[in-house]
C-alpha atoms as a PDB file:
ATOM      1  CA  UNK A   1      -0.343   0.377  -0.047  1.00  0.00           C
ATOM      2  CA  UNK A   2       1.237   2.259   0.186  1.00  0.00           C
ATOM      3  CA  UNK A   3       1.127   4.265  -0.119  1.00  0.00           C
ATOM      4  CA  UNK A   4       2.955   9.133   1.964  1.00  0.00           C
ATOM      5  CA  UNK A   5       4.024   6.399   0.907  1.00  0.00           C
ATOM      6  CA  UNK A   6       1.839   4.684   3.430  1.00  0.00           C
ATOM      7  CA  UNK A   7      -1.840   5.087   5.343  1.00  0.00           C
ATOM      8  CA  UNK A   8      -2.694   3.543   8.135  1.00  0.00           C
ATOM      9  CA  UNK A   9      -5.512   2.396   7.643  1.00  0.00           C
ATOM     10  CA  UNK A  10      -8.664   4.522   9.535  1.00  0.00           C
ATOM     11  CA  UNK A  11     -10.698   1.974  10.880  1.00  0.00           C
ATOM     12  CA  UNK A  12      -7.759   0.963  13.390  1.00  0.00           C
ATOM     13  CA  UNK A  13      -7.955   5.013  15.366  1.00  0.00           C
ATOM     14  CA  UNK A  14     -10.634   3.320  17.472  1.00  0.00           C
ATOM     15  CA  UNK A  15     -10.924   3.893  21.051  1.00  0.00           C
ATOM     16  CA  UNK A  16      -8.829   0.875  21.571  1.00  0.00           C
ATOM     17  CA  UNK A  17      -6.805   2.108  25.182  1.00  0.00           C
ATOM     18  CA  UNK A  18      -9.297  -0.299  27.579  1.00  0.00           C
ATOM     19  CA  UNK A  19      -6.911  -3.176  25.353  1.00  0.00           C
ATOM     20  CA  UNK A  20      -4.275  -1.910  27.624  1.00  0.00           C
ATOM     21  CA  UNK A  21      -4.641  -3.147  30.864  1.00  0.00           C
ATOM     22  CA  UNK A  22      -4.744  -6.524  31.964  1.00  0.00           C
ATOM     23  CA  UNK A  23      -8.492  -5.805  32.606  1.00  0.00           C
ATOM     24  CA  UNK A  24     -10.589  -7.600  30.081  1.00  0.00           C
ATOM     25  CA  UNK A  25     -12.091  -5.876  26.471  1.00  0.00           C
ATOM     26  CA  UNK A  26     -15.373  -6.425  25.343  1.00  0.00           C
ATOM     27  CA  UNK A  27     -16.509  -5.034  22.302  1.00  0.00           C
ATOM     28  CA  UNK A  28     -17.908  -5.562  18.381  1.00  0.00           C
ATOM     29  CA  UNK A  29     -14.734  -5.118  16.896  1.00  0.00           C
ATOM     30  CA  UNK A  30     -11.385  -5.863  19.849  1.00  0.00           C
ATOM     31  CA  UNK A  31     -11.642  -8.975  21.569  1.00  0.00           C
ATOM     32  CA  UNK A  32      -8.299  -9.898  23.851  1.00  0.00           C
ATOM     33  CA  UNK A  33      -6.212 -12.934  23.543  1.00  0.00           C
ATOM     34  CA  UNK A  34      -4.701 -13.949  27.181  1.00  0.00           C
ATOM     35  CA  UNK A  35      -1.806 -16.833  28.228  1.00  0.00           C
ATOM     36  CA  UNK A  36      -2.856 -19.897  29.630  1.00  0.00           C
ATOM     37  CA  UNK A  37      -0.143 -19.961  31.326  1.00  0.00           C
ATOM     38  CA  UNK A  38       0.832 -16.798  32.999  1.00  0.00           C
ATOM     39  CA  UNK A  39      -3.000 -14.919  32.179  1.00  0.00           C
ATOM     40  CA  UNK A  40      -1.247 -12.460  30.534  1.00  0.00           C
ATOM     41  CA  UNK A  41      -2.690  -9.379  27.793  1.00  0.00           C
ATOM     42  CA  UNK A  42      -0.591 -11.559  24.346  1.00  0.00           C
ATOM     43  CA  UNK A  43      -2.834 -10.735  21.596  1.00  0.00           C
ATOM     44  CA  UNK A  44      -5.678  -7.816  21.112  1.00  0.00           C
ATOM     45  CA  UNK A  45      -7.641  -8.722  17.759  1.00  0.00           C
ATOM     46  CA  UNK A  46     -10.386  -6.798  15.301  1.00  0.00           C
ATOM     47  CA  UNK A  47     -12.055  -7.079  12.716  1.00  0.00           C
ATOM     48  CA  UNK A  48     -12.918  -3.760  11.669  1.00  0.00           C
ATOM     49  CA  UNK A  49     -15.749  -4.660   8.562  1.00  0.00           C
ATOM     50  CA  UNK A  50     -17.813  -6.582  10.230  1.00  0.00           C
ATOM     51  CA  UNK A  51     -17.788  -9.630   7.681  1.00  0.00           C
ATOM     52  CA  UNK A  52     -16.436 -12.540  10.476  1.00  0.00           C
ATOM     53  CA  UNK A  53     -12.909 -13.165  10.343  1.00  0.00           C
ATOM     54  CA  UNK A  54      -9.840 -11.382  12.135  1.00  0.00           C
ATOM     55  CA  UNK A  55      -7.933  -8.855   9.719  1.00  0.00           C
ATOM     56  CA  UNK A  56      -6.030  -6.659  12.842  1.00  0.00           C
ATOM     57  CA  UNK A  57      -3.725  -8.376  15.749  1.00  0.00           C
ATOM     58  CA  UNK A  58      -1.686  -7.112  17.987  1.00  0.00           C
ATOM     59  CA  UNK A  59       0.673  -8.093  19.607  1.00  0.00           C
ATOM     60  CA  UNK A  60       1.416  -7.301  22.953  1.00  0.00           C
ATOM     61  CA  UNK A  61       3.516  -8.572  26.297  1.00  0.00           C
ATOM     62  CA  UNK A  62       0.974  -7.237  28.985  1.00  0.00           C
ATOM     63  CA  UNK A  63      -0.062  -2.938  28.196  1.00  0.00           C
ATOM     64  CA  UNK A  64       2.931  -3.162  26.085  1.00  0.00           C
ATOM     65  CA  UNK A  65       2.394  -3.230  22.429  1.00  0.00           C
ATOM     66  CA  UNK A  66       4.970  -5.397  20.385  1.00  0.00           C
ATOM     67  CA  UNK A  67       4.057  -5.357  16.390  1.00  0.00           C
ATOM     68  CA  UNK A  68       0.845  -4.837  14.796  1.00  0.00           C
ATOM     69  CA  UNK A  69      -0.100  -8.093  11.955  1.00  0.00           C
ATOM     70  CA  UNK A  70      -2.422  -6.666   9.384  1.00  0.00           C
ATOM     71  CA  UNK A  71      -5.115  -8.170   6.646  1.00  0.00           C
ATOM     72  CA  UNK A  72      -5.778  -5.484   4.440  1.00  0.00           C
ATOM     73  CA  UNK A  73      -7.101  -7.012   1.741  1.00  0.00           C
ATOM     74  CA  UNK A  74      -9.025  -9.652   3.920  1.00  0.00           C
ATOM     75  CA  UNK A  75      -7.458 -12.957   1.990  1.00  0.00           C
ATOM     76  CA  UNK A  76      -7.241 -14.289   4.996  1.00  0.00           C
ATOM     77  CA  UNK A  77      -3.260 -13.975   4.348  1.00  0.00           C
ATOM     78  CA  UNK A  78      -1.793 -11.153   7.038  1.00  0.00           C
ATOM     79  CA  UNK A  79       0.352  -8.288   4.292  1.00  0.00           C
ATOM     80  CA  UNK A  80       0.967  -5.778   6.798  1.00  0.00           C
ATOM     81  CA  UNK A  81       3.545  -5.649  10.028  1.00  0.00           C
ATOM     82  CA  UNK A  82       4.846  -2.756  12.343  1.00  0.00           C
ATOM     83  CA  UNK A  83       6.661  -2.888  14.624  1.00  0.00           C
ATOM     84  CA  UNK A  84       6.896  -0.426  17.576  1.00  0.00           C
ATOM     85  CA  UNK A  85       9.401   0.353  20.354  1.00  0.00           C
ATOM     86  CA  UNK A  86       8.960   2.475  23.734  1.00  0.00           C
ATOM     87  CA  UNK A  87       8.723   5.798  23.418  1.00  0.00           C
ATOM     88  CA  UNK A  88       6.969   8.996  23.738  1.00  0.00           C
ATOM     89  CA  UNK A  89       5.833  10.850  19.934  1.00  0.00           C
ATOM     90  CA  UNK A  90       7.940  13.608  19.410  1.00  0.00           C
ATOM     91  CA  UNK A  91       6.292  17.200  19.370  1.00  0.00           C
ATOM     92  CA  UNK A  92       3.752  18.124  16.266  1.00  0.00           C
ATOM     93  CA  UNK A  93       4.039  14.291  15.167  1.00  0.00           C
ATOM     94  CA  UNK A  94       1.032  12.678  14.109  1.00  0.00           C
ATOM     95  CA  UNK A  95      -0.525   9.431  16.245  1.00  0.00           C
ATOM     96  CA  UNK A  96      -0.328   6.306  14.574  1.00  0.00           C
ATOM     97  CA  UNK A  97      -2.232   3.335  14.982  1.00  0.00           C
ATOM     98  CA  UNK A  98       0.168   1.514  17.710  1.00  0.00           C
ATOM     99  CA  UNK A  99      -0.869   4.722  20.062  1.00  0.00           C
ATOM    100  CA  UNK A 100      -4.230   3.432  20.455  1.00  0.00           C
ATOM    101  CA  UNK A 101      -3.553  -0.117  21.657  1.00  0.00           C
ATOM    102  CA  UNK A 102       0.379   1.492  23.695  1.00  0.00           C
ATOM    103  CA  UNK A 103       0.282   5.203  23.971  1.00  0.00           C
ATOM    104  CA  UNK A 104       4.068   4.683  25.483  1.00  0.00           C
ATOM    105  CA  UNK A 105       5.750   3.656  21.768  1.00  0.00           C
ATOM    106  CA  UNK A 106       6.357   4.838  18.480  1.00  0.00           C
ATOM    107  CA  UNK A 107       6.599   3.030  15.394  1.00  0.00           C
ATOM    108  CA  UNK A 108       9.594   1.805  14.846  1.00  0.00           C
ATOM    109  CA  UNK A 109       9.574   0.076  10.537  1.00  0.00           C
ATOM    110  CA  UNK A 110       7.209  -1.502   8.610  1.00  0.00           C
ATOM    111  CA  UNK A 111       6.923  -3.984   6.197  1.00  0.00           C
ATOM    112  CA  UNK A 112       4.232  -4.677   3.079  1.00  0.00           C
ATOM    113  CA  UNK A 113       3.295  -7.282   1.425  1.00  0.00           C
ATOM    114  CA  UNK A 114       2.204  -6.091  -2.428  1.00  0.00           C
ATOM    115  CA  UNK A 115       2.587  -8.421  -4.624  1.00  0.00           C
ATOM    116  CA  UNK A 116       1.220 -11.745  -5.272  1.00  0.00           C
ATOM    117  CA  UNK A 117       2.576 -14.202  -2.150  1.00  0.00           C
ATOM    118  CA  UNK A 118       3.702 -12.682   1.144  1.00  0.00           C
ATOM    119  CA  UNK A 119       7.425 -11.893   0.528  1.00  0.00           C
ATOM    120  CA  UNK A 120       8.068  -8.681   1.303  1.00  0.00           C
ATOM    121  CA  UNK A 121       8.661  -6.426  -0.984  1.00  0.00           C
ATOM    122  CA  UNK A 122       8.211  -2.263   0.993  1.00  0.00           C
ATOM    123  CA  UNK A 123       9.731  -1.906   4.145  1.00  0.00           C
ATOM    124  CA  UNK A 124       9.540   1.535   6.015  1.00  0.00           C
ATOM    125  CA  UNK A 125      11.630   3.475   7.744  1.00  0.00           C
ATOM    126  CA  UNK A 126      10.801   5.404  10.903  1.00  0.00           C
ATOM    127  CA  UNK A 127      12.504   8.122  13.039  1.00  0.00           C
ATOM    128  CA  UNK A 128      10.573   9.566  15.852  1.00  0.00           C
ATOM    129  CA  UNK A 129       7.380   8.332  15.157  1.00  0.00           C
ATOM    130  CA  UNK A 130       8.009   9.433  12.099  1.00  0.00           C
ATOM    131  CA  UNK A 131       8.808   8.322   8.065  1.00  0.00           C
ATOM    132  CA  UNK A 132      12.407   8.910   6.781  1.00  0.00           C
ATOM    133  CA  UNK A 133      12.464   6.158   4.309  1.00  0.00           C
ATOM    134  CA  UNK A 134      10.873   3.472   2.123  1.00  0.00           C
ATOM    135  CA  UNK A 135      13.255   0.961  -0.068  1.00  0.00           C
ATOM    136  CA  UNK A 136      10.175  -0.946  -2.457  1.00  0.00           C
ATOM    137  CA  UNK A 137      10.911  -3.673  -5.146  1.00  0.00           C
ATOM    138  CA  UNK A 138       7.405  -1.965  -6.910  1.00  0.00           C
ATOM    139  CA  UNK A 139       8.395  -4.658 -10.555  1.00  0.00           C
ATOM    140  CA  UNK A 140       7.955  -7.822  -7.524  1.00  0.00           C
ATOM    141  CA  UNK A 141      10.729  -9.182  -8.948  1.00  0.00           C
ATOM    142  CA  UNK A 142      13.231  -9.201  -5.394  1.00  0.00           C
ATOM    143  CA  UNK A 143      14.857  -6.524  -5.993  1.00  0.00           C
ATOM    144  CA  UNK A 144      15.046  -2.655  -4.735  1.00  0.00           C
ATOM    145  CA  UNK A 145      13.497   0.225  -7.367  1.00  0.00           C
ATOM    146  CA  UNK A 146      12.648   2.217  -5.362  1.00  0.00           C
ATOM    147  CA  UNK A 147      13.482   4.437  -2.996  1.00  0.00           C
ATOM    148  CA  UNK A 148      11.545   7.771  -0.696  1.00  0.00           C
ATOM    149  CA  UNK A 149      12.969  10.026   2.007  1.00  0.00           C
ATOM    150  CA  UNK A 150      11.253  11.580   3.845  1.00  0.00           C
ATOM    151  CA  UNK A 151      11.246  15.208   6.296  1.00  0.00           C
ATOM    152  CA  UNK A 152       9.203  15.098   8.793  1.00  0.00           C
ATOM    153  CA  UNK A 153       7.034  13.440   8.162  1.00  0.00           C
ATOM    154  CA  UNK A 154       6.234  14.795   4.327  1.00  0.00           C
ATOM    155  CA  UNK A 155       8.536  13.279   0.331  1.00  0.00           C
ATOM    156  CA  UNK A 156      11.194  14.910  -0.715  1.00  0.00           C
ATOM    157  CA  UNK A 157      13.371  13.090  -2.951  1.00  0.00           C
ATOM    158  CA  UNK A 158      12.147   9.572  -4.783  1.00  0.00           C
ATOM    159  CA  UNK A 159      14.742   7.716  -6.732  1.00  0.00           C
ATOM    160  CA  UNK A 160      14.113   4.444  -9.323  1.00  0.00           C
ATOM    161  CA  UNK A 161      16.115   2.501 -11.554  1.00  0.00           C
ATOM    162  CA  UNK A 162      14.554   2.731 -14.784  1.00  0.00           C
ATOM    163  CA  UNK A 163      17.261   0.582 -16.287  1.00  0.00           C
ATOM    164  CA  UNK A 164      16.897  -2.952 -14.127  1.00  0.00           C
ATOM    165  CA  UNK A 165      20.848  -1.970 -12.787  1.00  0.00           C
ATOM    166  CA  UNK A 166      19.809  -2.458  -8.583  1.00  0.00           C
ATOM    167  CA  UNK A 167      20.834   1.437  -8.976  1.00  0.00           C
ATOM    168  CA  UNK A 168      18.935   4.792  -9.581  1.00  0.00           C
ATOM    169  CA  UNK A 169      18.925   6.388 -12.686  1.00  0.00           C
ATOM    170  CA  UNK A 170      16.372   8.622 -12.063  1.00  0.00           C
ATOM    171  CA  UNK A 171      15.277  11.071  -9.242  1.00  0.00           C
ATOM    172  CA  UNK A 172      12.570  13.477  -8.499  1.00  0.00           C
ATOM    173  CA  UNK A 173      12.510  15.941  -6.190  1.00  0.00           C
ATOM    174  CA  UNK A 174       9.845  17.292  -4.185  1.00  0.00           C
ATOM    175  CA  UNK A 175       8.888  21.301  -2.726  1.00  0.00           C
ATOM    176  CA  UNK A 176       8.083  22.280   0.387  1.00  0.00           C
ATOM    177  CA  UNK A 177       4.729  22.281  -0.106  1.00  0.00           C
ATOM    178  CA  UNK A 178       4.846  18.409  -2.488  1.00  0.00           C
ATOM    179  CA  UNK A 179       4.607  20.216  -5.678  1.00  0.00           C
ATOM    180  CA  UNK A 180       7.481  18.287  -8.144  1.00  0.00           C
ATOM    181  CA  UNK A 181       9.899  20.307  -7.738  1.00  0.00           C
ATOM    182  CA  UNK A 182      12.279  19.202 -10.344  1.00  0.00           C
ATOM    183  CA  UNK A 183      13.723  15.829 -11.905  1.00  0.00           C
ATOM    184  CA  UNK A 184      17.187  14.329 -12.164  1.00  0.00           C
ATOM    185  CA  UNK A 185      19.040  11.692 -13.302  1.00  0.00           C
ATOM    186  CA  UNK A 186      21.971   9.325 -13.273  1.00  0.00           C
ATOM    187  CA  UNK A 187      22.220   7.257 -16.456  1.00  0.00           C
ATOM    188  CA  UNK A 188      25.592   5.375 -16.162  1.00  0.00           C
ATOM    189  CA  UNK A 189      24.707   4.776 -11.951  1.00  0.00           C
ATOM    190  CA  UNK A 190      28.399   6.085 -10.887  1.00  0.00           C
ATOM    191  CA  UNK A 191      26.016   8.898  -8.881  1.00  0.00           C
ATOM    192  CA  UNK A 192      26.782  11.639 -11.037  1.00  0.00           C
ATOM    193  CA  UNK A 193      23.328  13.242 -10.625  1.00  0.00           C
ATOM    194  CA  UNK A 194      22.502  16.137 -13.539  1.00  0.00           C
ATOM    195  CA  UNK A 195      18.869  17.846 -14.486  1.00  0.00           C
ATOM    196  CA  UNK A 196      16.645  15.908 -16.639  1.00  0.00           C
ATOM    197  CA  UNK A 197      16.153  17.301 -20.376  1.00  0.00           C
ATOM    198  CA  UNK A 198      13.340  19.432 -20.798  1.00  0.00           C
ATOM    199  CA  UNK A 199      11.195  17.637 -23.294  1.00  0.00           C
ATOM    200  CA  UNK A 200       9.909  19.973 -25.929  1.00  0.00           C
ATOM    201  CA  UNK A 201       6.527  21.243 -25.798  1.00  0.00           C
ATOM    202  CA  UNK A 202       4.033  19.566 -28.426  1.00  0.00           C
ATOM    203  CA  UNK A 203       3.863  21.193 -31.469  1.00  0.00           C
ATOM    204  CA  UNK A 204       0.017  23.257 -31.890  1.00  0.00           C
ATOM    205  CA  UNK A 205      -1.844  21.518 -34.872  1.00  0.00           C
ATOM    206  CA  UNK A 206      -2.568  23.947 -37.822  1.00  0.00           C
ATOM    207  CA  UNK A 207      -6.997  24.217 -37.736  1.00  0.00           C
ATOM    208  CA  UNK A 208      -7.545  22.645 -40.930  1.00  0.00           C
ATOM    209  CA  UNK A 209      -8.900  25.619 -43.874  1.00  0.00           C
ATOM    210  CA  UNK A 210     -12.006  25.725 -44.415  1.00  0.00           C
ATOM    211  CA  UNK A 211     -12.123  24.824 -48.213  1.00  0.00           C
ATOM    212  CA  UNK A 212     -10.085  21.583 -46.692  1.00  0.00           C
ATOM    213  CA  UNK A 213     -12.960  20.979 -44.592  1.00  0.00           C
ATOM    214  CA  UNK A 214     -15.403  21.189 -47.035  1.00  0.00           C
ATOM    215  CA  UNK A 215     -13.835  18.585 -49.497  1.00  0.00           C
ATOM    216  CA  UNK A 216     -13.214  16.288 -46.524  1.00  0.00           C
ATOM    217  CA  UNK A 217     -16.738  15.882 -45.261  1.00  0.00           C
ATOM    218  CA  UNK A 218     -17.779  15.603 -49.048  1.00  0.00           C
ATOM    219  CA  UNK A 219     -15.230  13.374 -50.029  1.00  0.00           C
ATOM    220  CA  UNK A 220     -13.750  15.370 -52.402  1.00  0.00           C
ATOM    221  CA  UNK A 221     -11.467  15.461 -55.850  1.00  0.00           C
END
């Protein structure tokens, strides 16, 4: 998904805070799973779309969140994994999904399987709960061909491997407002980036003279 390159499922921003204690949690969406040996909370499961199938699992160590497993396309197989670490969100940062399960935790990295199988094709890395970079295999051939860099959660640069050499050869640079600022190329893959040539605008097509228009309509000589 990706999608930012990625977007947290809005349905996960439910009021799940009660599940972060050892007290039982019961509602239509969220179900706790406790260890039979210790009685500690091990999981919080959710059926976000009410189709009768679990599509979200938060793995807990008591009240502490460890990671979240998501089935985004409801095929019964997880395809996104989010890993968390203890910490407080930085000032101005947006709360992630994990804070609904454990407010004292931050997302550290995430993985997605966006291809035809469960092989990971996208990896996201975070600092202080904010995304900083992404590596992605967009054509599912087993090699990274897309790299993204973020600043304060905003995309600032995207590099693409369009020649399948394992190195980027095209770079898209974005402005502070999120719009594309300019494009650079590195045809040799040596790191020598240069501005991409500006493609000429399509030539304007002159209007057909009135006489010719008349002849075409009538199939003239």
